N, C-alpha and C. Protein backbone atom coordinates (compact mmCIF):
# COMPACT_ATOMS: atom_id res chain seq x y z
N MET A 1 163.39 70.70 -113.26
CA MET A 1 162.87 70.51 -111.91
C MET A 1 161.62 69.64 -111.98
N PRO A 2 161.51 68.59 -111.15
CA PRO A 2 160.35 67.70 -111.25
C PRO A 2 159.07 68.39 -110.81
N GLY A 3 157.94 67.94 -111.35
CA GLY A 3 156.66 68.52 -110.94
C GLY A 3 156.28 68.02 -109.56
N PHE A 4 155.50 68.79 -108.85
CA PHE A 4 155.06 68.41 -107.52
C PHE A 4 153.56 68.19 -107.54
N PHE A 5 153.09 67.28 -106.73
CA PHE A 5 151.66 67.03 -106.63
C PHE A 5 151.14 67.63 -105.34
N PHE A 6 150.15 68.50 -105.47
CA PHE A 6 149.53 69.12 -104.31
C PHE A 6 148.12 68.58 -104.19
N PRO A 7 147.84 67.73 -103.19
CA PRO A 7 146.47 67.23 -103.04
C PRO A 7 145.57 68.33 -102.55
N HIS A 8 144.89 68.99 -103.44
CA HIS A 8 144.06 70.13 -103.04
C HIS A 8 142.80 70.17 -103.87
N ASN A 9 141.69 70.56 -103.26
CA ASN A 9 140.40 70.57 -103.94
C ASN A 9 140.39 71.43 -105.19
N ASN A 10 141.13 72.54 -105.18
CA ASN A 10 141.13 73.44 -106.34
C ASN A 10 141.59 72.72 -107.61
N MET A 11 142.40 71.67 -107.46
CA MET A 11 142.93 70.96 -108.62
C MET A 11 141.79 70.26 -109.38
N THR A 12 140.69 69.94 -108.70
CA THR A 12 139.61 69.22 -109.36
C THR A 12 138.65 70.16 -110.07
N GLU A 13 138.85 71.46 -109.93
CA GLU A 13 137.93 72.42 -110.53
C GLU A 13 138.23 72.68 -112.00
N LEU A 14 139.20 71.99 -112.57
CA LEU A 14 139.51 72.19 -113.98
C LEU A 14 138.34 71.67 -114.82
N ASN A 15 137.97 72.40 -115.86
CA ASN A 15 136.91 71.86 -116.70
C ASN A 15 137.53 70.98 -117.78
N GLY A 16 136.69 70.24 -118.47
CA GLY A 16 137.16 69.24 -119.42
C GLY A 16 138.14 69.74 -120.46
N LYS A 17 137.86 70.90 -121.10
CA LYS A 17 138.73 71.35 -122.19
C LYS A 17 140.10 71.78 -121.67
N ASP A 18 140.18 72.28 -120.43
CA ASP A 18 141.47 72.70 -119.88
C ASP A 18 142.35 71.49 -119.56
N ASP A 19 141.69 70.36 -119.26
CA ASP A 19 142.45 69.16 -118.89
C ASP A 19 143.49 68.81 -119.95
N CYS A 20 143.07 68.85 -121.19
CA CYS A 20 143.96 68.45 -122.26
C CYS A 20 145.00 69.52 -122.59
N LYS A 21 144.63 70.78 -122.42
CA LYS A 21 145.48 71.86 -122.90
C LYS A 21 146.36 72.50 -121.83
N LEU A 22 146.43 71.90 -120.67
CA LEU A 22 147.21 72.54 -119.61
C LEU A 22 148.68 72.54 -119.98
N GLY A 23 149.20 73.72 -120.22
CA GLY A 23 150.63 73.86 -120.49
C GLY A 23 151.36 73.99 -119.18
N GLU A 24 152.67 74.03 -119.24
CA GLU A 24 153.48 74.12 -118.02
C GLU A 24 153.12 75.34 -117.19
N GLY A 25 152.88 76.48 -117.86
CA GLY A 25 152.54 77.72 -117.16
C GLY A 25 151.26 77.58 -116.35
N LYS A 26 150.24 76.96 -116.97
CA LYS A 26 148.96 76.79 -116.28
C LYS A 26 149.11 75.85 -115.10
N ILE A 27 149.88 74.78 -115.28
CA ILE A 27 150.10 73.84 -114.19
C ILE A 27 150.78 74.56 -113.04
N HIS A 28 151.78 75.37 -113.37
CA HIS A 28 152.50 76.13 -112.33
C HIS A 28 151.55 77.05 -111.58
N LYS A 29 150.63 77.72 -112.33
CA LYS A 29 149.66 78.61 -111.68
C LYS A 29 148.75 77.83 -110.75
N LYS A 30 148.33 76.65 -111.18
CA LYS A 30 147.46 75.82 -110.34
C LYS A 30 148.17 75.43 -109.06
N LYS A 31 149.47 75.06 -109.18
CA LYS A 31 150.24 74.69 -108.00
C LYS A 31 150.33 75.87 -107.05
N GLN A 32 150.60 77.05 -107.62
CA GLN A 32 150.70 78.24 -106.78
C GLN A 32 149.37 78.51 -106.09
N LYS A 33 148.26 78.33 -106.82
CA LYS A 33 146.94 78.55 -106.23
C LYS A 33 146.71 77.60 -105.08
N ALA A 34 147.07 76.32 -105.30
CA ALA A 34 146.88 75.32 -104.24
C ALA A 34 147.69 75.69 -103.02
N PHE A 35 148.94 76.06 -103.23
CA PHE A 35 149.79 76.47 -102.10
C PHE A 35 149.23 77.73 -101.46
N GLY A 36 148.82 78.69 -102.32
CA GLY A 36 148.26 79.94 -101.81
C GLY A 36 147.04 79.69 -100.95
N ALA A 37 146.19 78.77 -101.40
CA ALA A 37 144.97 78.46 -100.65
C ALA A 37 145.31 77.79 -99.33
N ASP A 38 146.30 76.87 -99.35
CA ASP A 38 146.72 76.22 -98.11
C ASP A 38 147.26 77.25 -97.12
N LEU A 39 148.08 78.16 -97.62
CA LEU A 39 148.66 79.16 -96.74
C LEU A 39 147.58 80.13 -96.27
N LYS A 40 146.63 80.43 -97.17
CA LYS A 40 145.53 81.33 -96.80
C LYS A 40 144.72 80.73 -95.64
N ASN A 41 144.45 79.43 -95.73
CA ASN A 41 143.73 78.75 -94.64
C ASN A 41 144.52 78.81 -93.34
N TYR A 42 145.83 78.61 -93.46
CA TYR A 42 146.69 78.68 -92.28
C TYR A 42 146.64 80.09 -91.69
N LEU A 43 146.74 81.09 -92.56
CA LEU A 43 146.73 82.48 -92.08
C LEU A 43 145.36 82.85 -91.52
N LYS A 44 144.28 82.33 -92.12
CA LYS A 44 142.94 82.59 -91.59
C LYS A 44 142.83 82.06 -90.17
N SER A 45 143.45 80.92 -89.92
CA SER A 45 143.41 80.37 -88.56
C SER A 45 144.17 81.26 -87.59
N MET A 46 145.12 82.04 -88.14
CA MET A 46 145.88 82.98 -87.31
C MET A 46 145.19 84.33 -87.19
N VAL A 47 144.31 84.64 -88.16
CA VAL A 47 143.72 85.98 -88.24
C VAL A 47 143.06 86.45 -86.94
N PRO A 48 142.23 85.63 -86.29
CA PRO A 48 141.63 86.13 -85.03
C PRO A 48 142.71 86.58 -84.05
N HIS A 49 143.83 85.80 -84.02
CA HIS A 49 144.92 86.15 -83.11
C HIS A 49 145.64 87.40 -83.59
N ILE A 50 145.79 87.49 -84.92
CA ILE A 50 146.49 88.65 -85.48
C ILE A 50 145.67 89.91 -85.23
N GLU A 51 144.35 89.82 -85.50
CA GLU A 51 143.52 91.02 -85.37
C GLU A 51 143.33 91.44 -83.91
N SER A 52 143.14 90.45 -83.03
CA SER A 52 142.89 90.82 -81.64
C SER A 52 144.20 90.97 -80.87
N GLY A 53 145.29 90.55 -81.49
CA GLY A 53 146.59 90.61 -80.81
C GLY A 53 146.79 89.35 -79.99
N ILE A 54 147.95 88.75 -80.09
CA ILE A 54 148.22 87.53 -79.34
C ILE A 54 148.76 87.93 -77.99
N LYS A 55 148.13 87.43 -76.95
CA LYS A 55 148.61 87.74 -75.59
C LYS A 55 149.89 86.96 -75.32
N THR A 56 150.92 87.65 -74.93
CA THR A 56 152.16 86.97 -74.59
C THR A 56 152.27 86.90 -73.08
N SER A 57 153.29 86.20 -72.61
CA SER A 57 153.44 86.04 -71.17
C SER A 57 153.63 87.38 -70.47
N SER A 58 154.18 88.37 -71.18
CA SER A 58 154.35 89.69 -70.56
C SER A 58 153.12 90.56 -70.79
N SER A 59 152.03 89.93 -71.27
CA SER A 59 150.73 90.54 -71.56
C SER A 59 150.81 91.77 -72.46
N ARG A 60 151.84 91.77 -73.36
CA ARG A 60 151.90 92.79 -74.41
C ARG A 60 151.11 92.28 -75.60
N ASN A 61 150.56 93.17 -76.38
CA ASN A 61 149.88 92.74 -77.60
C ASN A 61 150.89 92.63 -78.73
N VAL A 62 150.92 91.45 -79.36
CA VAL A 62 151.81 91.26 -80.50
C VAL A 62 150.90 91.14 -81.72
N MET A 63 151.07 92.02 -82.69
CA MET A 63 150.23 91.96 -83.88
C MET A 63 151.10 91.88 -85.11
N LEU A 64 150.65 91.08 -86.08
CA LEU A 64 151.35 90.98 -87.35
C LEU A 64 151.01 92.22 -88.16
N SER A 65 152.02 93.00 -88.47
CA SER A 65 151.78 94.26 -89.19
C SER A 65 152.47 94.22 -90.55
N ALA A 66 152.05 95.12 -91.42
CA ALA A 66 152.67 95.23 -92.74
C ALA A 66 154.16 95.53 -92.58
N GLU A 67 154.51 96.36 -91.58
CA GLU A 67 155.93 96.72 -91.37
C GLU A 67 156.76 95.48 -91.07
N GLU A 68 156.21 94.60 -90.21
CA GLU A 68 156.95 93.37 -89.87
C GLU A 68 157.13 92.49 -91.10
N VAL A 69 156.06 92.35 -91.88
CA VAL A 69 156.12 91.51 -93.07
C VAL A 69 157.08 92.10 -94.11
N ILE A 70 157.14 93.43 -94.19
CA ILE A 70 158.11 94.08 -95.08
C ILE A 70 159.53 93.79 -94.60
N GLN A 71 159.74 93.79 -93.29
CA GLN A 71 161.07 93.51 -92.74
C GLN A 71 161.56 92.12 -93.12
N TRP A 72 160.63 91.17 -93.27
CA TRP A 72 161.02 89.82 -93.65
C TRP A 72 161.80 89.83 -94.97
N SER A 73 161.50 90.82 -95.82
CA SER A 73 162.15 90.86 -97.13
C SER A 73 163.56 91.45 -97.08
N GLN A 74 163.95 91.99 -95.91
CA GLN A 74 165.28 92.59 -95.79
C GLN A 74 166.38 91.54 -95.66
N SER A 75 166.07 90.46 -94.96
CA SER A 75 167.05 89.37 -94.83
C SER A 75 166.36 88.13 -94.26
N LEU A 76 166.97 86.98 -94.53
CA LEU A 76 166.46 85.74 -93.97
C LEU A 76 166.55 85.79 -92.44
N GLU A 77 167.58 86.43 -91.95
CA GLU A 77 167.76 86.57 -90.50
C GLU A 77 166.55 87.26 -89.86
N LYS A 78 166.07 88.35 -90.51
CA LYS A 78 164.90 89.07 -89.97
C LYS A 78 163.64 88.22 -90.07
N LEU A 79 163.52 87.45 -91.14
CA LEU A 79 162.37 86.57 -91.29
C LEU A 79 162.36 85.53 -90.17
N LEU A 80 163.51 84.92 -89.90
CA LEU A 80 163.59 83.86 -88.89
C LEU A 80 163.54 84.39 -87.47
N ALA A 81 163.78 85.69 -87.30
CA ALA A 81 163.70 86.31 -85.96
C ALA A 81 162.25 86.50 -85.53
N SER A 82 161.33 86.39 -86.48
CA SER A 82 159.90 86.58 -86.21
C SER A 82 159.20 85.23 -86.10
N GLN A 83 158.43 85.03 -85.01
CA GLN A 83 157.66 83.79 -84.85
C GLN A 83 156.72 83.58 -86.02
N SER A 84 156.01 84.65 -86.38
CA SER A 84 155.06 84.56 -87.51
C SER A 84 155.82 84.29 -88.80
N GLY A 85 156.96 84.95 -88.95
CA GLY A 85 157.81 84.75 -90.14
C GLY A 85 158.23 83.30 -90.27
N GLN A 86 158.65 82.71 -89.15
CA GLN A 86 159.05 81.29 -89.15
C GLN A 86 157.89 80.41 -89.60
N SER A 87 156.69 80.70 -89.07
CA SER A 87 155.51 79.88 -89.40
C SER A 87 155.15 79.97 -90.88
N VAL A 88 155.14 81.20 -91.40
CA VAL A 88 154.76 81.40 -92.81
C VAL A 88 155.82 80.79 -93.72
N PHE A 89 157.09 80.98 -93.38
CA PHE A 89 158.18 80.43 -94.20
C PHE A 89 158.16 78.89 -94.15
N ARG A 90 157.83 78.34 -92.99
CA ARG A 90 157.76 76.88 -92.86
C ARG A 90 156.66 76.33 -93.77
N GLU A 91 155.49 77.02 -93.81
CA GLU A 91 154.41 76.60 -94.70
C GLU A 91 154.86 76.62 -96.16
N PHE A 92 155.63 77.67 -96.51
CA PHE A 92 156.15 77.77 -97.87
C PHE A 92 157.10 76.61 -98.16
N LEU A 93 158.01 76.32 -97.23
CA LEU A 93 158.97 75.22 -97.42
C LEU A 93 158.25 73.88 -97.52
N LYS A 94 157.14 73.73 -96.78
CA LYS A 94 156.34 72.49 -96.89
C LYS A 94 155.86 72.33 -98.33
N SER A 95 155.45 73.43 -98.94
CA SER A 95 154.94 73.36 -100.31
C SER A 95 156.05 72.98 -101.29
N GLU A 96 157.30 73.20 -100.89
CA GLU A 96 158.45 72.83 -101.74
C GLU A 96 159.10 71.53 -101.26
N PHE A 97 158.47 70.89 -100.31
CA PHE A 97 158.98 69.64 -99.73
C PHE A 97 160.39 69.80 -99.18
N SER A 98 160.66 70.93 -98.52
CA SER A 98 161.98 71.12 -97.93
C SER A 98 161.88 71.71 -96.52
N GLU A 99 160.80 71.38 -95.80
CA GLU A 99 160.64 71.94 -94.46
C GLU A 99 161.67 71.41 -93.46
N GLU A 100 162.38 70.31 -93.85
CA GLU A 100 163.43 69.79 -92.95
C GLU A 100 164.50 70.85 -92.69
N ASN A 101 164.71 71.75 -93.65
CA ASN A 101 165.74 72.78 -93.48
C ASN A 101 165.44 73.70 -92.30
N ILE A 102 164.23 74.24 -92.27
CA ILE A 102 163.89 75.16 -91.17
C ILE A 102 163.74 74.38 -89.86
N GLU A 103 163.25 73.15 -89.95
CA GLU A 103 163.11 72.34 -88.73
C GLU A 103 164.49 72.05 -88.12
N PHE A 104 165.46 71.75 -88.96
CA PHE A 104 166.83 71.50 -88.48
C PHE A 104 167.41 72.79 -87.89
N TRP A 105 167.22 73.90 -88.60
CA TRP A 105 167.75 75.19 -88.14
C TRP A 105 167.18 75.54 -86.77
N LEU A 106 165.87 75.36 -86.59
CA LEU A 106 165.21 75.66 -85.31
C LEU A 106 165.68 74.69 -84.22
N ALA A 107 165.87 73.42 -84.58
CA ALA A 107 166.35 72.44 -83.61
C ALA A 107 167.75 72.82 -83.13
N CYS A 108 168.59 73.33 -84.04
CA CYS A 108 169.95 73.78 -83.68
C CYS A 108 169.89 75.00 -82.76
N GLU A 109 168.97 75.92 -83.04
CA GLU A 109 168.81 77.10 -82.19
C GLU A 109 168.42 76.69 -80.77
N ASP A 110 167.51 75.73 -80.70
CA ASP A 110 167.07 75.22 -79.39
C ASP A 110 168.22 74.48 -78.69
N TYR A 111 168.97 73.72 -79.48
CA TYR A 111 170.09 72.93 -78.95
C TYR A 111 171.14 73.83 -78.27
N LYS A 112 171.39 74.98 -78.86
CA LYS A 112 172.40 75.91 -78.31
C LYS A 112 172.02 76.41 -76.91
N LYS A 113 170.71 76.39 -76.60
CA LYS A 113 170.24 76.87 -75.29
C LYS A 113 170.11 75.73 -74.28
N THR A 114 170.48 74.53 -74.70
CA THR A 114 170.31 73.35 -73.84
C THR A 114 171.34 73.32 -72.71
N LYS A 115 170.90 72.88 -71.54
CA LYS A 115 171.82 72.71 -70.40
C LYS A 115 172.79 71.59 -70.73
N SER A 116 174.02 71.75 -70.27
CA SER A 116 175.09 70.80 -70.61
C SER A 116 174.75 69.34 -70.34
N ASP A 117 174.04 69.08 -69.24
CA ASP A 117 173.74 67.68 -68.91
C ASP A 117 172.67 67.05 -69.84
N HIS A 118 172.03 67.86 -70.66
CA HIS A 118 171.04 67.32 -71.62
C HIS A 118 171.56 67.32 -73.05
N LEU A 119 172.78 67.78 -73.26
CA LEU A 119 173.32 67.89 -74.62
C LEU A 119 173.38 66.55 -75.34
N HIS A 120 173.82 65.53 -74.63
CA HIS A 120 174.04 64.23 -75.28
C HIS A 120 172.75 63.69 -75.91
N GLY A 121 171.67 63.69 -75.13
CA GLY A 121 170.38 63.19 -75.63
C GLY A 121 169.85 63.99 -76.80
N LYS A 122 169.96 65.31 -76.70
CA LYS A 122 169.45 66.18 -77.79
C LYS A 122 170.31 66.03 -79.05
N ALA A 123 171.62 65.94 -78.86
CA ALA A 123 172.54 65.79 -80.01
C ALA A 123 172.20 64.49 -80.76
N GLU A 124 171.94 63.45 -80.00
CA GLU A 124 171.61 62.15 -80.60
C GLU A 124 170.31 62.25 -81.40
N ARG A 125 169.30 62.91 -80.82
CA ARG A 125 168.00 63.07 -81.51
C ARG A 125 168.16 63.87 -82.80
N ILE A 126 168.89 64.99 -82.73
CA ILE A 126 169.08 65.84 -83.93
C ILE A 126 169.84 65.05 -85.00
N TYR A 127 170.87 64.34 -84.58
CA TYR A 127 171.66 63.55 -85.53
C TYR A 127 170.78 62.51 -86.22
N GLU A 128 170.00 61.76 -85.43
CA GLU A 128 169.17 60.69 -86.00
C GLU A 128 168.05 61.23 -86.89
N GLU A 129 167.49 62.37 -86.51
CA GLU A 129 166.35 62.92 -87.27
C GLU A 129 166.77 63.63 -88.55
N PHE A 130 167.94 64.32 -88.51
CA PHE A 130 168.29 65.18 -89.64
C PHE A 130 169.61 64.86 -90.35
N VAL A 131 170.57 64.28 -89.65
CA VAL A 131 171.93 64.21 -90.21
C VAL A 131 172.30 62.85 -90.77
N GLN A 132 172.00 61.78 -90.05
CA GLN A 132 172.48 60.47 -90.52
C GLN A 132 171.94 60.17 -91.92
N SER A 133 172.66 59.32 -92.63
CA SER A 133 172.38 59.11 -94.06
C SER A 133 170.99 58.56 -94.35
N ASP A 134 170.35 57.90 -93.38
CA ASP A 134 168.99 57.41 -93.62
C ASP A 134 167.97 58.13 -92.74
N ALA A 135 168.29 59.37 -92.36
CA ALA A 135 167.40 60.16 -91.49
C ALA A 135 166.06 60.41 -92.18
N ILE A 136 165.01 60.44 -91.38
CA ILE A 136 163.65 60.68 -91.91
C ILE A 136 163.57 62.06 -92.57
N LYS A 137 164.18 63.07 -91.91
CA LYS A 137 164.15 64.44 -92.44
C LYS A 137 165.57 64.87 -92.82
N GLN A 138 166.22 64.04 -93.60
CA GLN A 138 167.64 64.28 -93.92
C GLN A 138 167.86 65.64 -94.59
N ILE A 139 168.81 66.41 -94.03
CA ILE A 139 169.15 67.71 -94.60
C ILE A 139 170.15 67.53 -95.73
N ASN A 140 170.21 68.51 -96.62
CA ASN A 140 171.06 68.44 -97.79
C ASN A 140 172.44 69.02 -97.49
N ILE A 141 173.33 68.17 -96.93
CA ILE A 141 174.71 68.58 -96.69
C ILE A 141 175.63 67.55 -97.34
N ASP A 142 176.84 67.95 -97.66
CA ASP A 142 177.74 67.02 -98.34
C ASP A 142 178.28 65.95 -97.39
N TYR A 143 178.92 64.95 -97.97
CA TYR A 143 179.41 63.79 -97.23
C TYR A 143 180.39 64.20 -96.12
N GLN A 144 181.33 65.08 -96.45
CA GLN A 144 182.33 65.50 -95.46
C GLN A 144 181.67 66.17 -94.26
N MET A 145 180.69 67.05 -94.54
CA MET A 145 179.98 67.75 -93.47
C MET A 145 179.18 66.75 -92.62
N ARG A 146 178.58 65.77 -93.27
CA ARG A 146 177.80 64.75 -92.56
C ARG A 146 178.71 63.97 -91.61
N GLU A 147 179.89 63.58 -92.11
CA GLU A 147 180.84 62.82 -91.30
C GLU A 147 181.38 63.66 -90.13
N ALA A 148 181.74 64.92 -90.42
CA ALA A 148 182.26 65.81 -89.37
C ALA A 148 181.21 66.06 -88.29
N THR A 149 179.97 66.24 -88.71
CA THR A 149 178.87 66.49 -87.77
C THR A 149 178.61 65.24 -86.92
N ALA A 150 178.71 64.08 -87.55
CA ALA A 150 178.53 62.82 -86.80
C ALA A 150 179.57 62.70 -85.70
N LYS A 151 180.82 63.04 -86.01
CA LYS A 151 181.90 62.97 -85.00
C LYS A 151 181.63 63.95 -83.86
N ARG A 152 181.24 65.18 -84.22
CA ARG A 152 180.98 66.20 -83.20
C ARG A 152 179.79 65.81 -82.32
N ALA A 153 178.81 65.15 -82.90
CA ALA A 153 177.61 64.76 -82.14
C ALA A 153 177.92 63.66 -81.12
N GLN A 154 178.97 62.88 -81.37
CA GLN A 154 179.33 61.80 -80.44
C GLN A 154 179.89 62.33 -79.12
N ASP A 155 180.58 63.47 -79.21
CA ASP A 155 181.12 64.12 -78.01
C ASP A 155 180.59 65.55 -78.01
N PRO A 156 179.28 65.72 -77.72
CA PRO A 156 178.60 66.98 -78.00
C PRO A 156 179.03 68.17 -77.14
N THR A 157 179.10 69.32 -77.83
CA THR A 157 179.27 70.62 -77.17
C THR A 157 178.16 71.50 -77.74
N HIS A 158 178.04 72.72 -77.24
CA HIS A 158 176.99 73.63 -77.73
C HIS A 158 177.19 74.02 -79.20
N THR A 159 178.40 73.78 -79.73
CA THR A 159 178.68 74.17 -81.12
C THR A 159 178.73 72.98 -82.08
N SER A 160 178.31 71.81 -81.63
CA SER A 160 178.42 70.58 -82.44
C SER A 160 177.75 70.69 -83.82
N PHE A 161 176.65 71.41 -83.91
CA PHE A 161 175.90 71.48 -85.17
C PHE A 161 176.08 72.81 -85.90
N ASP A 162 176.95 73.68 -85.40
CA ASP A 162 177.08 75.03 -85.97
C ASP A 162 177.42 75.03 -87.46
N GLU A 163 178.38 74.19 -87.86
CA GLU A 163 178.80 74.18 -89.28
C GLU A 163 177.68 73.69 -90.19
N ALA A 164 177.02 72.62 -89.77
CA ALA A 164 175.91 72.08 -90.58
C ALA A 164 174.76 73.08 -90.62
N GLN A 165 174.50 73.74 -89.48
CA GLN A 165 173.42 74.73 -89.42
C GLN A 165 173.72 75.89 -90.37
N LYS A 166 174.98 76.32 -90.38
CA LYS A 166 175.37 77.42 -91.27
C LYS A 166 175.18 77.04 -92.74
N MET A 167 175.53 75.78 -93.08
CA MET A 167 175.37 75.30 -94.46
C MET A 167 173.90 75.29 -94.87
N VAL A 168 173.03 74.85 -93.96
CA VAL A 168 171.59 74.80 -94.24
C VAL A 168 171.02 76.21 -94.35
N TYR A 169 171.49 77.11 -93.50
CA TYR A 169 171.05 78.51 -93.55
C TYR A 169 171.39 79.12 -94.91
N ILE A 170 172.63 78.90 -95.37
CA ILE A 170 173.07 79.44 -96.67
C ILE A 170 172.23 78.85 -97.79
N LEU A 171 171.92 77.57 -97.69
CA LEU A 171 171.07 76.91 -98.69
C LEU A 171 169.70 77.58 -98.75
N MET A 172 169.09 77.81 -97.58
CA MET A 172 167.77 78.48 -97.54
C MET A 172 167.88 79.90 -98.08
N GLU A 173 168.96 80.60 -97.67
CA GLU A 173 169.13 82.01 -98.05
C GLU A 173 169.28 82.17 -99.57
N ARG A 174 170.00 81.26 -100.19
CA ARG A 174 170.27 81.37 -101.64
C ARG A 174 169.17 80.77 -102.49
N ASP A 175 168.47 79.80 -101.94
CA ASP A 175 167.55 79.01 -102.74
C ASP A 175 166.07 79.31 -102.43
N SER A 176 165.62 78.89 -101.25
CA SER A 176 164.19 78.99 -100.92
C SER A 176 163.75 80.42 -100.61
N TYR A 177 164.57 81.17 -99.89
CA TYR A 177 164.19 82.52 -99.44
C TYR A 177 163.85 83.46 -100.61
N PRO A 178 164.69 83.55 -101.68
CA PRO A 178 164.29 84.42 -102.80
C PRO A 178 162.97 84.00 -103.44
N ARG A 179 162.73 82.68 -103.52
CA ARG A 179 161.46 82.22 -104.09
C ARG A 179 160.29 82.56 -103.18
N PHE A 180 160.53 82.47 -101.88
CA PHE A 180 159.49 82.83 -100.91
C PHE A 180 159.07 84.29 -101.10
N LEU A 181 160.05 85.19 -101.28
CA LEU A 181 159.73 86.62 -101.42
C LEU A 181 158.96 86.92 -102.70
N LYS A 182 159.12 86.06 -103.72
CA LYS A 182 158.40 86.26 -104.98
C LYS A 182 157.09 85.49 -105.00
N SER A 183 156.85 84.68 -103.98
CA SER A 183 155.68 83.80 -103.97
C SER A 183 154.39 84.61 -103.81
N ARG A 184 153.34 84.06 -104.40
CA ARG A 184 152.03 84.70 -104.31
C ARG A 184 151.59 84.79 -102.84
N ALA A 185 151.92 83.76 -102.06
CA ALA A 185 151.51 83.73 -100.65
C ALA A 185 152.09 84.92 -99.88
N TYR A 186 153.39 85.17 -100.06
CA TYR A 186 154.02 86.29 -99.35
C TYR A 186 153.46 87.62 -99.85
N LEU A 187 153.35 87.78 -101.16
CA LEU A 187 152.88 89.04 -101.74
C LEU A 187 151.42 89.31 -101.37
N ASN A 188 150.59 88.24 -101.35
CA ASN A 188 149.18 88.40 -100.96
C ASN A 188 149.06 88.81 -99.49
N LEU A 189 149.86 88.18 -98.63
CA LEU A 189 149.83 88.51 -97.20
C LEU A 189 150.21 89.97 -97.01
N LEU A 190 151.27 90.39 -97.66
CA LEU A 190 151.73 91.78 -97.56
C LEU A 190 150.66 92.73 -98.06
N ASN A 191 150.05 92.39 -99.19
CA ASN A 191 149.01 93.22 -99.79
C ASN A 191 147.79 93.34 -98.86
N GLN A 192 147.38 92.22 -98.26
CA GLN A 192 146.23 92.23 -97.35
C GLN A 192 146.50 93.13 -96.14
N LEU A 193 147.70 93.01 -95.59
CA LEU A 193 148.03 93.81 -94.40
C LEU A 193 148.14 95.30 -94.75
N GLN A 194 148.72 95.60 -95.93
CA GLN A 194 148.83 97.00 -96.34
C GLN A 194 147.44 97.58 -96.61
N THR A 195 146.56 96.79 -97.19
CA THR A 195 145.19 97.24 -97.48
C THR A 195 144.44 97.52 -96.18
N SER A 196 144.55 96.58 -95.20
CA SER A 196 143.83 96.78 -93.94
C SER A 196 144.41 97.95 -93.13
N THR A 197 145.70 98.22 -93.30
CA THR A 197 146.33 99.34 -92.59
C THR A 197 145.85 100.67 -93.16
N SER A 198 145.67 100.71 -94.50
CA SER A 198 145.31 101.98 -95.15
C SER A 198 143.83 102.31 -95.00
N ARG A 199 143.04 101.38 -94.47
CA ARG A 199 141.59 101.66 -94.30
C ARG A 199 141.36 102.67 -93.20
């Protein structure tokens, strides 16, 4: 697997002797730290909302709890059913340079709720952004699926992207999701919430 570059201040804190002796394990730890710090900053920006409760349109208090974060580990479906879960998972996917997967999945979810007279425009946008062979955020689907999705997008229905969406979901479920659950970012978040709950 190729190495990834994380432009982060923590990377410059290496002292001279470590520079030469950084083995693969140490490099991996540094990458995790950089990602962890980025996610920590993101979560800190959410903390005032988490602690005070986010006001929703129905004026209920929604708070990120340890129970909710534990539920994320039960299935990818439960993780994606949570707004906070989607945000945290998206940050993780960004660190792996694969955020196009969740963005495509969310775009498909939105597309299914689209009024029939707007389907054509949305189908075209989703196809151009994620599916076509030179798409900016091209998703990882095989040639046959790409061709079939292109045909369905030309005469769009609410199910035009279902097959491609399912393929991307399975990819996330088998690949990124297990790594997310083992990531320092997820475990630290869970630990922080459990610690604050037990106080």
